[in-house]
Amino acid sequence: MRDPAATPRMIDDDRVRVTRFDFAPGAETGWHIHGMDHVITAITDCHMLLEEKGGETRKALVPAGTSYRRGQGMEHNVINGGDRVMSFVEVELK
């Protein structure tokens, strides 16, 4: 299963782009490279299965209400590895 539901951009101005993503169990982003530094804030517990460059995979739990930051150039595929919808908001810093 591919393509999580992305809401229309919540904000997209000259400083930030804010998007909410809702993933059904098994949904994935597909391989992508982040073009900007970004912050993710989990709305639900997010049980992520991350496929990373070089063929490595790892699991990560991002608890509801917590955030993490990553830099530009991150390349990966994010899969909902849980059995419930996972939702987060991504803030990209322009």
Protein backbone atom coordinates (compact mmCIF):
# COMPACT_ATOMS: atom_id res chain seq x y z
CA MET A 1 0.00 0.00 0.00
CA ARG A 2 1.36 3.42 -0.88
CA ASP A 3 0.50 7.06 -0.56
CA PRO A 4 -0.57 8.21 2.85
CA ALA A 5 -3.34 10.78 2.86
CA ALA A 6 -1.80 14.25 2.94
CA THR A 7 -4.01 17.16 3.78
CA PRO A 8 -3.75 20.20 1.57
CA ARG A 9 -0.88 22.33 2.75
CA MET A 10 -1.82 23.84 6.08
CA ILE A 11 0.72 26.66 5.58
CA ASP A 12 3.00 27.30 2.62
CA ASP A 13 4.62 30.71 2.73
CA ASP A 14 8.11 32.14 2.23
CA ARG A 15 9.37 30.67 5.56
CA VAL A 16 7.67 27.30 6.19
CA ARG A 17 5.61 24.53 4.61
CA VAL A 18 3.30 22.65 7.01
CA THR A 19 1.57 19.41 5.99
CA ARG A 20 -0.39 16.80 7.93
CA PHE A 21 0.01 13.14 6.96
CA ASP A 22 -2.32 10.28 7.90
CA PHE A 23 -1.07 6.75 7.16
CA ALA A 24 -3.28 3.66 7.20
CA PRO A 25 -1.49 0.55 8.49
CA GLY A 26 1.00 -0.54 5.83
CA ALA A 27 0.86 2.78 3.93
CA GLU A 28 4.19 4.22 2.85
CA THR A 29 5.58 7.44 1.47
CA GLY A 30 7.70 5.82 -1.22
CA TRP A 31 11.38 6.72 -1.53
CA HIS A 32 12.04 10.44 -1.26
CA ILE A 33 14.75 12.94 -0.38
CA HIS A 34 13.91 15.83 1.92
CA GLY A 35 14.77 19.10 0.19
CA MET A 36 14.61 21.13 3.41
CA ASP A 37 15.35 20.84 7.11
CA HIS A 38 12.17 19.65 8.80
CA VAL A 39 10.45 18.93 12.11
CA ILE A 40 7.92 16.12 12.61
CA THR A 41 5.37 16.26 15.45
CA ALA A 42 3.42 13.07 16.12
CA ILE A 43 -0.34 13.41 16.58
CA THR A 44 -0.77 9.70 17.29
CA ASP A 45 1.80 7.14 18.39
CA CYS A 46 3.75 6.58 15.18
CA HIS A 47 5.18 3.08 14.74
CA MET A 48 7.47 3.78 11.80
CA LEU A 49 9.34 1.25 9.73
CA LEU A 50 12.11 3.20 8.03
CA GLU A 51 13.84 1.95 4.89
CA GLU A 52 17.11 3.83 4.58
CA LYS A 53 19.72 4.43 1.93
CA GLY A 54 22.04 1.46 1.64
CA GLY A 55 19.30 -1.11 2.22
CA GLU A 56 19.07 -0.80 6.00
CA THR A 57 15.73 -0.86 7.80
CA ARG A 58 14.89 0.13 11.35
CA LYS A 59 11.84 0.58 13.52
CA ALA A 60 11.14 3.80 15.40
CA LEU A 61 8.38 4.72 17.80
CA VAL A 62 7.54 8.42 17.90
CA PRO A 63 5.08 8.84 20.79
CA ALA A 64 2.06 11.10 20.35
CA GLY A 65 2.88 14.70 21.22
CA THR A 66 6.63 14.39 20.68
CA SER A 67 8.80 15.87 17.93
CA TYR A 68 12.06 15.23 16.15
CA ARG A 69 14.17 17.24 13.71
CA ARG A 70 16.12 16.11 10.66
CA GLY A 71 18.26 17.93 8.15
CA GLN A 72 17.95 18.48 4.45
CA GLY A 73 19.03 15.56 2.29
CA MET A 74 17.50 12.74 4.37
CA GLU A 75 16.63 9.92 1.95
CA HIS A 76 14.23 7.19 3.03
CA ASN A 77 10.87 5.44 2.74
CA VAL A 78 8.53 5.70 5.74
CA ILE A 79 6.03 2.87 6.35
CA ASN A 80 3.32 2.68 9.00
CA GLY A 81 4.51 -0.45 10.78
CA GLY A 82 1.66 -0.38 13.30
CA ASP A 83 -1.88 -1.69 13.27
CA ARG A 84 -3.61 1.70 13.59
CA VAL A 85 -3.63 4.92 11.60
CA MET A 86 -0.59 7.05 12.37
CA SER A 87 -0.69 10.82 11.94
CA PHE A 88 1.94 13.53 12.14
CA VAL A 89 2.53 17.11 11.08
CA GLU A 90 5.66 17.95 9.11
CA VAL A 91 7.07 21.48 9.21
CA GLU A 92 9.64 22.14 6.49
CA LEU A 93 11.94 25.11 7.06
CA LYS A 94 12.59 27.14 3.92
